[in-house]
C-alpha atoms as a PDB file:
ATOM      1  CA  MET A   1       0.000   0.000   0.000  1.00  0.00           C
ATOM      2  CA  LYS A   2       1.609   3.243  -1.133  1.00  0.00           C
ATOM      3  CA  ALA A   3      -0.692   5.883   0.377  1.00  0.00           C
ATOM      4  CA  SER A   4      -3.535   6.246   2.864  1.00  0.00           C
ATOM      5  CA  VAL A   5      -5.986   9.129   2.444  1.00  0.00           C
ATOM      6  CA  ILE A   6      -7.454  10.112   5.820  1.00  0.00           C
ATOM      7  CA  ILE A   7     -10.642  12.189   6.096  1.00  0.00           C
ATOM      8  CA  PRO A   8     -12.295  13.050   9.439  1.00  0.00           C
ATOM      9  CA  THR A   9     -16.020  13.736   9.042  1.00  0.00           C
ATOM     10  CA  LYS A  10     -18.918  15.198  10.944  1.00  0.00           C
ATOM     11  CA  ASN A  11     -22.060  16.545   9.280  1.00  0.00           C
ATOM     12  CA  GLY A  12     -20.131  17.046   6.047  1.00  0.00           C
ATOM     13  CA  GLU A  13     -22.855  16.455   3.465  1.00  0.00           C
ATOM     14  CA  GLU A  14     -22.356  19.835   1.763  1.00  0.00           C
ATOM     15  CA  TYR A  15     -19.035  18.965   0.114  1.00  0.00           C
ATOM     16  CA  LEU A  16     -18.288  15.340   1.045  1.00  0.00           C
ATOM     17  CA  GLU A  17     -19.719  13.760  -2.098  1.00  0.00           C
ATOM     18  CA  GLU A  18     -17.745  16.185  -4.246  1.00  0.00           C
ATOM     19  CA  CYS A  19     -14.601  15.486  -2.202  1.00  0.00           C
ATOM     20  CA  LEU A  20     -14.904  11.694  -2.424  1.00  0.00           C
ATOM     21  CA  THR A  21     -15.711  11.786  -6.133  1.00  0.00           C
ATOM     22  CA  ALA A  22     -12.474  13.671  -6.741  1.00  0.00           C
ATOM     23  CA  VAL A  23     -10.506  11.242  -4.555  1.00  0.00           C
ATOM     24  CA  PHE A  24     -11.999   8.223  -6.338  1.00  0.00           C
ATOM     25  CA  ASN A  25     -11.042   9.749  -9.691  1.00  0.00           C
ATOM     26  CA  GLN A  26      -7.349  10.091  -8.860  1.00  0.00           C
ATOM     27  CA  LYS A  27      -4.936   8.671 -11.420  1.00  0.00           C
ATOM     28  CA  THR A  28      -1.993   7.001  -9.737  1.00  0.00           C
ATOM     29  CA  ALA A  29       0.676   4.464 -10.553  1.00  0.00           C
ATOM     30  CA  PHE A  30       0.270   3.031  -7.045  1.00  0.00           C
ATOM     31  CA  THR A  31      -2.479   1.678  -4.819  1.00  0.00           C
ATOM     32  CA  PHE A  32      -4.071   3.735  -2.087  1.00  0.00           C
ATOM     33  CA  GLU A  33      -6.775   3.389   0.547  1.00  0.00           C
ATOM     34  CA  VAL A  34      -9.288   5.843   1.973  1.00  0.00           C
ATOM     35  CA  ILE A  35      -9.922   5.883   5.726  1.00  0.00           C
ATOM     36  CA  ILE A  36     -12.745   7.943   7.224  1.00  0.00           C
ATOM     37  CA  VAL A  37     -13.328   8.580  10.918  1.00  0.00           C
ATOM     38  CA  ASP A  38     -16.790   9.966  11.619  1.00  0.00           C
ATOM     39  CA  SER A  39     -17.614  11.551  14.956  1.00  0.00           C
ATOM     40  CA  GLY A  40     -21.385  11.489  15.199  1.00  0.00           C
ATOM     41  CA  SER A  41     -22.796  12.820  11.930  1.00  0.00           C
ATOM     42  CA  ARG A  42     -26.530  13.460  11.937  1.00  0.00           C
ATOM     43  CA  ASP A  43     -26.991  14.506   8.324  1.00  0.00           C
ATOM     44  CA  ARG A  44     -26.462  12.511   5.105  1.00  0.00           C
ATOM     45  CA  THR A  45     -22.731  12.011   5.687  1.00  0.00           C
ATOM     46  CA  LEU A  46     -22.961   8.288   6.499  1.00  0.00           C
ATOM     47  CA  GLU A  47     -25.334   7.711   3.600  1.00  0.00           C
ATOM     48  CA  ILE A  48     -22.864   9.353   1.211  1.00  0.00           C
ATOM     49  CA  ILE A  49     -19.997   7.266   2.585  1.00  0.00           C
ATOM     50  CA  GLU A  50     -21.998   4.055   2.212  1.00  0.00           C
ATOM     51  CA  LYS A  51     -22.686   4.884  -1.432  1.00  0.00           C
ATOM     52  CA  PHE A  52     -18.970   5.193  -2.134  1.00  0.00           C
ATOM     53  CA  GLN A  53     -18.152   2.035  -0.178  1.00  0.00           C
ATOM     54  CA  LYS A  54     -20.353   0.071  -2.552  1.00  0.00           C
ATOM     55  CA  LYS A  55     -18.227   1.274  -5.465  1.00  0.00           C
ATOM     56  CA  ILE A  56     -15.003  -0.194  -4.174  1.00  0.00           C
ATOM     57  CA  HIS A  57     -15.832  -3.141  -1.894  1.00  0.00           C
ATOM     58  CA  PRO A  58     -16.116  -6.429  -3.762  1.00  0.00           C
ATOM     59  CA  ILE A  59     -19.642  -7.621  -4.456  1.00  0.00           C
ATOM     60  CA  PRO A  60     -20.385 -11.159  -3.182  1.00  0.00           C
ATOM     61  CA  PRO A  61     -19.701 -13.898  -5.762  1.00  0.00           C
ATOM     62  CA  LEU A  62     -22.522 -14.847  -8.107  1.00  0.00           C
ATOM     63  CA  LYS A  63     -23.297 -18.303  -9.461  1.00  0.00           C
ATOM     64  CA  LYS A  64     -23.267 -18.577 -13.196  1.00  0.00           C
ATOM     65  CA  GLU A  65     -26.572 -19.978 -14.378  1.00  0.00           C
ATOM     66  CA  GLY A  66     -26.237 -23.664 -15.223  1.00  0.00           C
ATOM     67  CA  ASP A  67     -22.708 -23.809 -13.878  1.00  0.00           C
ATOM     68  CA  SER A  68     -21.338 -24.500 -10.398  1.00  0.00           C
ATOM     69  CA  SER A  69     -18.397 -22.129 -10.879  1.00  0.00           C
ATOM     70  CA  LEU A  70     -18.417 -18.737  -9.162  1.00  0.00           C
ATOM     71  CA  LEU A  71     -17.994 -15.409 -10.897  1.00  0.00           C
ATOM     72  CA  GLN A  72     -16.604 -12.316  -9.188  1.00  0.00           C
ATOM     73  CA  ARG A  73     -17.709  -8.956 -10.479  1.00  0.00           C
ATOM     74  CA  GLU A  74     -14.801  -6.731 -11.376  1.00  0.00           C
ATOM     75  CA  VAL A  75     -14.051  -3.446  -9.665  1.00  0.00           C
ATOM     76  CA  ARG A  76     -14.518  -0.536 -12.066  1.00  0.00           C
ATOM     77  CA  ARG A  77     -11.433   0.137 -14.168  1.00  0.00           C
ATOM     78  CA  ASP A  78     -11.300   3.797 -13.168  1.00  0.00           C
ATOM     79  CA  LEU A  79     -10.808   2.703  -9.535  1.00  0.00           C
ATOM     80  CA  ILE A  80      -7.685   0.705 -10.291  1.00  0.00           C
ATOM     81  CA  GLY A  81      -5.529   2.717  -7.857  1.00  0.00           C
ATOM     82  CA  LEU A  82      -8.051   2.648  -5.014  1.00  0.00           C
ATOM     83  CA  SER A  83      -7.814  -0.658  -3.162  1.00  0.00           C
ATOM     84  CA  ASP A  84      -9.855  -0.120  -0.014  1.00  0.00           C
ATOM     85  CA  PHE A  85     -12.310   2.278   1.618  1.00  0.00           C
ATOM     86  CA  LYS A  86     -13.187   2.045   5.305  1.00  0.00           C
ATOM     87  CA  ILE A  87     -15.069   4.045   7.903  1.00  0.00           C
ATOM     88  CA  TYR A  88     -14.642   4.088  11.659  1.00  0.00           C
ATOM     89  CA  GLN A  89     -17.087   5.783  14.004  1.00  0.00           C
ATOM     90  CA  ILE A  90     -16.308   7.451  17.329  1.00  0.00           C
ATOM     91  CA  PRO A  91     -18.513   9.355  19.812  1.00  0.00           C
ATOM     92  CA  PRO A  92     -18.527  13.144  19.239  1.00  0.00           C
ATOM     93  CA  GLN A  93     -16.982  13.865  22.641  1.00  0.00           C
ATOM     94  CA  GLU A  94     -13.950  11.742  21.754  1.00  0.00           C
ATOM     95  CA  PHE A  95     -13.057  13.889  18.746  1.00  0.00           C
ATOM     96  CA  GLY A  96      -9.828  15.859  18.815  1.00  0.00           C
ATOM     97  CA  HIS A  97      -7.945  17.170  15.807  1.00  0.00           C
ATOM     98  CA  GLY A  98      -4.727  15.456  16.844  1.00  0.00           C
ATOM     99  CA  ARG A  99      -6.198  12.483  18.688  1.00  0.00           C
ATOM    100  CA  THR A 100      -8.659  11.533  15.940  1.00  0.00           C
ATOM    101  CA  ARG A 101      -6.056  11.736  13.200  1.00  0.00           C
ATOM    102  CA  ASN A 102      -3.644   9.661  15.286  1.00  0.00           C
ATOM    103  CA  PHE A 103      -6.411   7.082  15.681  1.00  0.00           C
ATOM    104  CA  ALA A 104      -7.042   7.114  11.930  1.00  0.00           C
ATOM    105  CA  VAL A 105      -3.346   6.530  11.224  1.00  0.00           C
ATOM    106  CA  SER A 106      -3.431   3.441  13.446  1.00  0.00           C
ATOM    107  CA  LYS A 107      -5.966   1.960  11.008  1.00  0.00           C
ATOM    108  CA  THR A 108      -3.896   2.588   7.881  1.00  0.00           C
ATOM    109  CA  GLN A 109      -1.288   0.649   5.944  1.00  0.00           C
ATOM    110  CA  GLY A 110       0.147   3.295   3.631  1.00  0.00           C
ATOM    111  CA  GLU A 111       3.746   4.365   3.402  1.00  0.00           C
ATOM    112  CA  TYR A 112       2.522   7.941   3.003  1.00  0.00           C
ATOM    113  CA  LEU A 113      -0.262   9.449   5.104  1.00  0.00           C
ATOM    114  CA  VAL A 114      -2.390  11.924   3.171  1.00  0.00           C
ATOM    115  CA  PHE A 115      -4.774  14.190   5.075  1.00  0.00           C
ATOM    116  CA  LEU A 116      -7.877  15.918   3.713  1.00  0.00           C
ATOM    117  CA  THR A 117     -10.834  17.601   5.347  1.00  0.00           C
ATOM    118  CA  GLN A 118     -14.399  16.792   4.361  1.00  0.00           C
ATOM    119  CA  ASP A 119     -14.825  20.187   2.683  1.00  0.00           C
ATOM    120  CA  ALA A 120     -11.601  20.110   0.635  1.00  0.00           C
ATOM    121  CA  THR A 121     -11.977  18.936  -2.969  1.00  0.00           C
ATOM    122  CA  PRO A 122      -8.894  17.882  -4.971  1.00  0.00           C
ATOM    123  CA  ALA A 123      -8.638  20.211  -7.960  1.00  0.00           C
ATOM    124  CA  ASP A 124      -7.603  17.569 -10.490  1.00  0.00           C
ATOM    125  CA  GLU A 125      -6.932  13.868 -10.990  1.00  0.00           C
ATOM    126  CA  ASN A 126      -3.197  14.224 -10.262  1.00  0.00           C
ATOM    127  CA  TRP A 127      -3.572  15.748  -6.801  1.00  0.00           C
ATOM    128  CA  LEU A 128      -2.639  12.567  -4.905  1.00  0.00           C
ATOM    129  CA  ALA A 129       0.399  11.808  -7.033  1.00  0.00           C
ATOM    130  CA  ASN A 130       1.571  15.411  -6.716  1.00  0.00           C
ATOM    131  CA  ILE A 131       1.138  15.712  -2.941  1.00  0.00           C
ATOM    132  CA  ILE A 132       3.505  12.793  -2.262  1.00  0.00           C
ATOM    133  CA  LYS A 133       5.972  13.542  -5.063  1.00  0.00           C
ATOM    134  CA  PRO A 134       8.294  15.784  -2.959  1.00  0.00           C
ATOM    135  CA  ILE A 135       8.510  13.112  -0.224  1.00  0.00           C
ATOM    136  CA  GLU A 136       9.414  10.474  -2.774  1.00  0.00           C
ATOM    137  CA  GLN A 137      12.097  12.685  -4.317  1.00  0.00           C
ATOM    138  CA  ASP A 138      13.777  13.791  -1.069  1.00  0.00           C
ATOM    139  CA  SER A 139      14.186  11.347   1.815  1.00  0.00           C
ATOM    140  CA  GLU A 140      14.689  14.215   4.298  1.00  0.00           C
ATOM    141  CA  ILE A 141      11.235  15.698   3.697  1.00  0.00           C
ATOM    142  CA  ALA A 142       8.861  14.664   6.469  1.00  0.00           C
ATOM    143  CA  GLY A 143       5.705  16.331   5.210  1.00  0.00           C
ATOM    144  CA  VAL A 144       4.155  18.315   2.386  1.00  0.00           C
ATOM    145  CA  PHE A 145       1.277  20.781   2.364  1.00  0.00           C
ATOM    146  CA  GLY A 146      -0.557  21.670  -0.826  1.00  0.00           C
ATOM    147  CA  LYS A 147      -2.259  24.706  -2.244  1.00  0.00           C
ATOM    148  CA  HIS A 148      -5.725  25.928  -1.223  1.00  0.00           C
ATOM    149  CA  LEU A 149      -7.904  27.449  -3.926  1.00  0.00           C
ATOM    150  CA  PRO A 150     -11.036  29.530  -3.234  1.00  0.00           C
ATOM    151  CA  ARG A 151     -14.360  28.101  -4.346  1.00  0.00           C
ATOM    152  CA  LYS A 152     -16.425  29.920  -6.956  1.00  0.00           C
ATOM    153  CA  ASP A 153     -18.840  31.274  -4.358  1.00  0.00           C
ATOM    154  CA  CYS A 154     -16.070  32.573  -2.080  1.00  0.00           C
ATOM    155  CA  ASP A 155     -16.522  36.185  -0.993  1.00  0.00           C
ATOM    156  CA  PRO A 156     -14.123  38.638  -2.726  1.00  0.00           C
ATOM    157  CA  PHE A 157     -12.092  39.456   0.382  1.00  0.00           C
ATOM    158  CA  GLN A 158     -11.455  35.890   1.454  1.00  0.00           C
ATOM    159  CA  ARG A 159     -10.597  35.026  -2.138  1.00  0.00           C
ATOM    160  CA  ARG A 160      -7.975  37.766  -2.246  1.00  0.00           C
ATOM    161  CA  ALA A 161      -6.552  36.857   1.180  1.00  0.00           C
ATOM    162  CA  LEU A 162      -6.354  33.145   0.373  1.00  0.00           C
ATOM    163  CA  ASN A 163      -4.744  33.697  -3.024  1.00  0.00           C
ATOM    164  CA  ASP A 164      -2.224  36.164  -1.599  1.00  0.00           C
ATOM    165  CA  PHE A 165      -1.309  33.827   1.246  1.00  0.00           C
ATOM    166  CA  MET A 166      -0.816  30.735  -0.897  1.00  0.00           C
ATOM    167  CA  ASN A 167       1.050  32.684  -3.570  1.00  0.00           C
ATOM    168  CA  SER A 168       3.482  33.891  -0.897  1.00  0.00           C
ATOM    169  CA  PHE A 169       4.937  30.364  -0.857  1.00  0.00           C
ATOM    170  CA  GLY A 170       5.795  30.631  -4.560  1.00  0.00           C
ATOM    171  CA  ALA A 171       4.754  29.028  -7.828  1.00  0.00           C
ATOM    172  CA  LYS A 172       7.153  26.078  -7.548  1.00  0.00           C
ATOM    173  CA  THR A 173       7.890  23.416  -4.961  1.00  0.00           C
ATOM    174  CA  ALA A 174       9.405  25.087  -1.887  1.00  0.00           C
ATOM    175  CA  ILE A 175      11.399  23.314   0.820  1.00  0.00           C
ATOM    176  CA  TYR A 176      11.883  24.613   4.373  1.00  0.00           C
ATOM    177  CA  GLN A 177      14.375  23.553   7.021  1.00  0.00           C
ATOM    178  CA  LEU A 178      16.617  24.985   9.717  1.00  0.00           C
ATOM    179  CA  SER A 179      20.165  25.665   8.660  1.00  0.00           C
ATOM    180  CA  GLN A 180      22.112  26.625  11.774  1.00  0.00           C
ATOM    181  CA  GLU A 181      23.261  23.691  13.878  1.00  0.00           C
ATOM    182  CA  GLY A 182      23.159  24.415  17.591  1.00  0.00           C
ATOM    183  CA  ARG A 183      20.934  27.480  17.162  1.00  0.00           C
ATOM    184  CA  LYS A 184      17.711  25.821  16.038  1.00  0.00           C
ATOM    185  CA  GLU A 185      15.404  27.444  18.588  1.00  0.00           C
ATOM    186  CA  GLU A 186      16.754  30.910  17.797  1.00  0.00           C
ATOM    187  CA  GLU A 187      16.452  30.425  14.046  1.00  0.00           C
ATOM    188  CA  TYR A 188      12.978  28.951  14.424  1.00  0.00           C
ATOM    189  CA  GLU A 189      11.792  31.946  16.470  1.00  0.00           C
ATOM    190  CA  LYS A 190      12.972  34.346  13.786  1.00  0.00           C
ATOM    191  CA  ASN A 191      11.024  32.530  11.066  1.00  0.00           C
ATOM    192  CA  LYS A 192       8.275  30.761  13.009  1.00  0.00           C
ATOM    193  CA  HIS A 193       5.365  32.183  10.995  1.00  0.00           C
ATOM    194  CA  VAL A 194       6.696  30.417   7.892  1.00  0.00           C
ATOM    195  CA  LEU A 195       8.352  27.396   9.485  1.00  0.00           C
ATOM    196  CA  SER A 196       5.362  26.455  11.649  1.00  0.00           C
ATOM    197  CA  PHE A 197       2.744  26.623   8.906  1.00  0.00           C
ATOM    198  CA  PHE A 198       1.299  23.298   7.854  1.00  0.00           C
ATOM    199  CA  SER A 199      -2.263  22.407   6.971  1.00  0.00           C
ATOM    200  CA  ASN A 200      -4.051  19.100   7.303  1.00  0.00           C
ATOM    201  CA  VAL A 201      -6.716  20.461   5.004  1.00  0.00           C
ATOM    202  CA  ASN A 202      -4.336  19.199   2.306  1.00  0.00           C
ATOM    203  CA  SER A 203      -1.141  17.446   3.365  1.00  0.00           C
ATOM    204  CA  ALA A 204       1.006  14.320   3.165  1.00  0.00           C
ATOM    205  CA  ILE A 205       3.342  12.900   5.809  1.00  0.00           C
ATOM    206  CA  ARG A 206       6.006  10.218   5.685  1.00  0.00           C
ATOM    207  CA  ARG A 207       4.837   7.354   7.884  1.00  0.00           C
ATOM    208  CA  SER A 208       8.292   6.552   9.283  1.00  0.00           C
ATOM    209  CA  VAL A 209       8.552  10.104  10.629  1.00  0.00           C
ATOM    210  CA  PHE A 210       4.986  10.130  11.930  1.00  0.00           C
ATOM    211  CA  GLU A 211       5.616   6.991  13.964  1.00  0.00           C
ATOM    212  CA  LYS A 212       8.328   8.900  15.854  1.00  0.00           C
ATOM    213  CA  ILE A 213       6.548  12.284  15.878  1.00  0.00           C
ATOM    214  CA  PRO A 214       2.755  11.868  15.884  1.00  0.00           C
ATOM    215  CA  PHE A 215       0.308  14.739  16.230  1.00  0.00           C
ATOM    216  CA  GLN A 216       0.063  16.340  19.626  1.00  0.00           C
ATOM    217  CA  GLU A 217      -3.410  15.795  21.049  1.00  0.00           C
ATOM    218  CA  VAL A 218      -4.251  19.475  21.207  1.00  0.00           C
ATOM    219  CA  GLU A 219      -7.620  21.172  20.826  1.00  0.00           C
ATOM    220  CA  MET A 220      -6.688  22.753  17.500  1.00  0.00           C
ATOM    221  CA  GLY A 221      -3.624  23.370  15.357  1.00  0.00           C
ATOM    222  CA  GLU A 222      -2.162  19.867  15.548  1.00  0.00           C
ATOM    223  CA  ASP A 223      -0.665  20.421  12.093  1.00  0.00           C
ATOM    224  CA  GLN A 224       1.137  23.604  13.192  1.00  0.00           C
ATOM    225  CA  PHE A 225       2.533  21.922  16.309  1.00  0.00           C
ATOM    226  CA  TRP A 226       3.665  18.983  14.194  1.00  0.00           C
ATOM    227  CA  ALA A 227       5.463  21.270  11.744  1.00  0.00           C
ATOM    228  CA  LYS A 228       7.335  22.877  14.619  1.00  0.00           C
ATOM    229  CA  ASP A 229       8.256  19.481  16.078  1.00  0.00           C
ATOM    230  CA  ILE A 230       9.637  18.052  12.836  1.00  0.00           C
ATOM    231  CA  ILE A 231      11.486  21.236  11.881  1.00  0.00           C
ATOM    232  CA  LEU A 232      13.216  21.377  15.281  1.00  0.00           C
ATOM    233  CA  ALA A 233      14.000  17.656  14.930  1.00  0.00           C
ATOM    234  CA  GLY A 234      15.990  18.454  11.788  1.00  0.00           C
ATOM    235  CA  HIS A 235      13.510  17.333   9.122  1.00  0.00           C
ATOM    236  CA  LYS A 236      12.381  19.275   6.080  1.00  0.00           C
ATOM    237  CA  LYS A 237       8.865  20.261   5.089  1.00  0.00           C
ATOM    238  CA  ALA A 238       7.696  21.198   1.604  1.00  0.00           C
ATOM    239  CA  TYR A 239       4.999  23.189  -0.169  1.00  0.00           C
ATOM    240  CA  GLU A 240       3.664  21.719  -3.409  1.00  0.00           C
ATOM    241  CA  PRO A 241       1.476  24.124  -5.448  1.00  0.00           C
ATOM    242  CA  GLN A 242       0.640  21.408  -8.003  1.00  0.00           C
ATOM    243  CA  ALA A 243      -1.298  19.523  -5.319  1.00  0.00           C
ATOM    244  CA  ALA A 244      -4.258  21.873  -4.972  1.00  0.00           C
ATOM    245  CA  VAL A 245      -7.686  21.574  -3.368  1.00  0.00           C
ATOM    246  CA  TYR A 246     -10.718  23.826  -3.436  1.00  0.00           C
ATOM    247  CA  HIS A 247     -11.318  24.984   0.115  1.00  0.00           C
ATOM    248  CA  SER A 248     -12.896  28.160   1.429  1.00  0.00           C
ATOM    249  CA  HIS A 249     -15.718  29.163   3.753  1.00  0.00           C
ATOM    250  CA  ASN A 250     -18.575  31.629   3.524  1.00  0.00           C
ATOM    251  CA  TYR A 251     -19.233  32.094   7.211  1.00  0.00           C
ATOM    252  CA  GLY A 252     -21.532  34.756   8.589  1.00  0.00           C
ATOM    253  CA  ILE A 253     -19.959  37.413  10.796  1.00  0.00           C
ATOM    254  CA  TRP A 254     -20.652  35.604  14.089  1.00  0.00           C
ATOM    255  CA  ASN A 255     -19.370  32.238  12.891  1.00  0.00           C
ATOM    256  CA  GLN A 256     -16.314  33.851  11.330  1.00  0.00           C
ATOM    257  CA  PHE A 257     -15.658  35.623  14.638  1.00  0.00           C
ATOM    258  CA  LYS A 258     -15.714  32.267  16.442  1.00  0.00           C
ATOM    259  CA  ARG A 259     -13.384  30.728  13.884  1.00  0.00           C
ATOM    260  CA  TRP A 260     -10.934  33.606  14.271  1.00  0.00           C
ATOM    261  CA  PHE A 261     -11.149  33.356  18.058  1.00  0.00           C
ATOM    262  CA  ASP A 262     -10.080  29.707  17.827  1.00  0.00           C
ATOM    263  CA  GLU A 263      -7.246  30.545  15.432  1.00  0.00           C
ATOM    264  CA  PHE A 264      -5.806  33.395  17.491  1.00  0.00           C
ATOM    265  CA  ARG A 265      -6.186  31.394  20.694  1.00  0.00           C
ATOM    266  CA  GLN A 266      -4.100  28.697  19.030  1.00  0.00           C
ATOM    267  CA  HIS A 267      -1.519  31.234  17.848  1.00  0.00           C
ATOM    268  CA  LYS A 268      -1.184  32.318  21.462  1.00  0.00           C
ATOM    269  CA  LYS A 269      -0.726  28.715  22.610  1.00  0.00           C
ATOM    270  CA  ASN A 270       1.618  27.705  19.803  1.00  0.00           C
ATOM    271  CA  GLN A 271       3.703  30.831  19.216  1.00  0.00           C
ATOM    272  CA  ASN A 272       2.815  33.086  22.161  1.00  0.00           C
ATOM    273  CA  TYR A 273       1.454  35.485  19.548  1.00  0.00           C
ATOM    274  CA  VAL A 274      -0.676  38.413  20.710  1.00  0.00           C
ATOM    275  CA  GLY A 275      -1.554  40.600  17.737  1.00  0.00           C
ATOM    276  CA  VAL A 276      -3.652  43.402  19.237  1.00  0.00           C
ATOM    277  CA  SER A 277      -1.828  44.940  22.168  1.00  0.00           C
ATOM    278  CA  GLY A 278      -4.758  46.968  23.519  1.00  0.00           C
ATOM    279  CA  VAL A 279      -8.521  47.139  23.180  1.00  0.00           C
ATOM    280  CA  TRP A 280      -8.293  50.805  22.184  1.00  0.00           C
ATOM    281  CA  LYS A 281      -6.437  49.769  19.008  1.00  0.00           C
ATOM    282  CA  ILE A 282      -9.318  47.675  17.681  1.00  0.00           C
ATOM    283  CA  PRO A 283     -11.297  50.552  16.041  1.00  0.00           C
ATOM    284  CA  PHE A 284      -8.133  52.034  14.491  1.00  0.00           C
ATOM    285  CA  LEU A 285      -6.962  48.699  13.062  1.00  0.00           C
ATOM    286  CA  ALA A 286     -10.438  47.827  11.790  1.00  0.00           C
ATOM    287  CA  LEU A 287     -10.893  51.201  10.067  1.00  0.00           C
ATOM    288  CA  ARG A 288      -7.458  51.040   8.455  1.00  0.00           C
ATOM    289  CA  LEU A 289      -8.173  47.567   7.073  1.00  0.00           C
ATOM    290  CA  TRP A 290     -11.662  48.665   5.989  1.00  0.00           C
ATOM    291  CA  PHE A 291     -10.312  51.573   3.934  1.00  0.00           C
ATOM    292  CA  ASN A 292      -7.969  49.170   2.135  1.00  0.00           C
ATOM    293  CA  ASP A 293     -10.834  46.743   1.543  1.00  0.00           C
ATOM    294  CA  ILE A 294     -13.001  49.515   0.080  1.00  0.00           C
ATOM    295  CA  LYS A 295     -10.232  50.410  -2.356  1.00  0.00           C
ATOM    296  CA  TYR A 296     -10.006  46.787  -3.362  1.00  0.00           C
ATOM    297  CA  ILE A 297     -13.721  46.228  -3.920  1.00  0.00           C
ATOM    298  CA  ARG A 298     -13.996  49.475  -5.907  1.00  0.00           C
ATOM    299  CA  SER A 299     -11.301  48.181  -8.259  1.00  0.00           C
ATOM    300  CA  GLN A 300     -13.209  44.977  -9.036  1.00  0.00           C
ATOM    301  CA  SER A 301     -15.020  45.389 -12.355  1.00  0.00           C
ATOM    302  CA  GLU A 302     -17.049  42.184 -11.915  1.00  0.00           C
ATOM    303  CA  TYR A 303     -19.323  43.886  -9.337  1.00  0.00           C
ATOM    304  CA  ASN A 304     -21.953  46.535 -10.055  1.00  0.00           C
ATOM    305  CA  LEU A 305     -22.494  49.624  -7.889  1.00  0.00           C
ATOM    306  CA  TRP A 306     -25.018  48.047  -5.533  1.00  0.00           C
ATOM    307  CA  GLN A 307     -22.869  44.962  -5.052  1.00  0.00           C
ATOM    308  CA  LYS A 308     -19.892  47.157  -4.188  1.00  0.00           C
ATOM    309  CA  ILE A 309     -21.996  49.043  -1.638  1.00  0.00           C
ATOM    310  CA  TYR A 310     -23.159  45.756  -0.104  1.00  0.00           C
ATOM    311  CA  TRP A 311     -19.639  44.323   0.147  1.00  0.00           C
ATOM    312  CA  SER A 312     -18.291  47.608   1.556  1.00  0.00           C
ATOM    313  CA  ILE A 313     -20.808  47.533   4.403  1.00  0.00           C
ATOM    314  CA  TRP A 314     -20.397  43.798   4.980  1.00  0.00           C
ATOM    315  CA  ILE A 315     -16.629  43.925   5.206  1.00  0.00           C
ATOM    316  CA  PHE A 316     -16.681  46.740   7.785  1.00  0.00           C
ATOM    317  CA  PHE A 317     -18.388  44.484  10.317  1.00  0.00           C
ATOM    318  CA  MET A 318     -16.202  41.545   9.308  1.00  0.00           C
ATOM    319  CA  ASP A 319     -13.014  43.588   9.827  1.00  0.00           C
ATOM    320  CA  LEU A 320     -14.251  44.752  13.221  1.00  0.00           C
ATOM    321  CA  ALA A 321     -15.068  41.152  14.187  1.00  0.00           C
ATOM    322  CA  ARG A 322     -11.599  40.035  13.122  1.00  0.00           C
ATOM    323  CA  PHE A 323      -9.711  42.354  15.463  1.00  0.00           C
ATOM    324  CA  CYS A 324     -12.124  41.750  18.346  1.00  0.00           C
ATOM    325  CA  ALA A 325     -11.512  38.006  17.907  1.00  0.00           C
ATOM    326  CA  GLU A 326      -7.761  38.543  17.670  1.00  0.00           C
ATOM    327  CA  TYR A 327      -7.768  40.577  20.879  1.00  0.00           C
ATOM    328  CA  LEU A 328      -9.845  38.052  22.813  1.00  0.00           C
ATOM    329  CA  GLY A 329      -8.135  34.989  21.337  1.00  0.00           C
ATOM    330  CA  GLY A 330      -4.738  36.338  22.386  1.00  0.00           C
ATOM    331  CA  ARG A 331      -6.064  36.681  25.932  1.00  0.00           C
ATOM    332  CA  TYR A 332      -8.110  33.491  26.114  1.00  0.00           C
ATOM    333  CA  ASP A 333      -6.404  32.460  29.353  1.00  0.00           C
ATOM    334  CA  LYS A 334      -7.881  35.497  31.081  1.00  0.00           C
ATOM    335  CA  LEU A 335     -11.426  34.529  30.092  1.00  0.00           C
ATOM    336  CA  PRO A 336     -13.653  32.142  32.084  1.00  0.00           C
ATOM    337  CA  ILE A 337     -14.059  28.693  30.550  1.00  0.00           C
ATOM    338  CA  TRP A 338     -17.780  29.179  29.882  1.00  0.00           C
ATOM    339  CA  LEU A 339     -17.027  32.296  27.805  1.00  0.00           C
ATOM    340  CA  GLN A 340     -14.222  30.583  25.900  1.00  0.00           C
ATOM    341  CA  ASN A 341     -16.661  27.826  24.997  1.00  0.00           C
ATOM    342  CA  ARG A 342     -19.295  30.341  23.911  1.00  0.00           C
ATOM    343  CA  LEU A 343     -16.818  32.086  21.619  1.00  0.00           C
ATOM    344  CA  SER A 344     -15.329  28.886  20.152  1.00  0.00           C
ATOM    345  CA  MET A 345     -16.461  27.270  16.911  1.00  0.00           C
ATOM    346  CA  GLN A 346     -14.478  24.142  17.764  1.00  0.00           C
ATOM    347  CA  TYR A 347     -16.367  23.682  21.013  1.00  0.00           C
ATOM    348  CA  GLU A 348     -19.673  24.040  19.192  1.00  0.00           C
ATOM    349  CA  ILE A 349     -18.713  21.554  16.485  1.00  0.00           C
ATOM    350  CA  ILE A 350     -17.567  18.906  18.962  1.00  0.00           C
ATOM    351  CA  HIS A 351     -20.167  19.280  21.690  1.00  0.00           C
ATOM    352  CA  LYS A 352     -23.294  20.741  20.100  1.00  0.00           C
ATOM    353  CA  ARG A 353     -23.652  20.096  16.363  1.00  0.00           C
END
């Protein structure tokens, strides 16, 4: 078994069928398996998974009429690389981004561990081959993260931010590692925003490294912690733009606030990052970002006047929510637990949805 594609799921019916269709259509010169761990879905997620299981699992032998011999139906030719597809179910309260993925790995056989989320759709049929290519070519590379592309319905500001962020890694395969022996911590601190980035939305990890350095069982950001651990251990990580997935969110302002709160809380835990130094800076930072966003939306010819007015108003409240979330997330440890839970999207997903 060359690769294992791991997908955690919970109430993922919106994009899961699209995601699995793209995975099933991968063209590879090797065999791979798909492992799903579901943590209490209540929508059509399990029904969708069952439909795909029927495509790959062998159908019971049939007797040929008038003959005692048994015939075995063939697996479709376009599934030649996909050898197995399994699902494991866990209670919702047992879910953890690191813990659940570690559990999933224990059920795999692949030499390379490939991680997707239920709302990430491989952009083409070569995604799987491309995401593991850097690991195959360089034995010192422990993991690879791929490109994220905005979906067609992505709002204009998230689309710009996502494209700018991914393009900052370059148009070709990029490799990252520490260079100064004996001064690893110091070098890491100087470049931690780049060196610590890794995303299990779209990634591949060498199994032999993972067995020594599994994911930390943290609430969120297990991929970022893992990147730090392997970089400090002397391994390389890589970015592969040819291994792209469609992945973006159209959250409302309140849900986006909660997502940002989780992210900035994790930045505080992982990197001791506190972006907004004082509450009085929130209006100034939000207005400055808003003015830049207005300039951007005015320059977009694809929107008419009324659409530009709508997006200009919408983004003001979104920018304000962002810096409020950054301020509170960076000071999560000063908030009571009940308020942290109220402000957290992760808590809601695990315990309520």
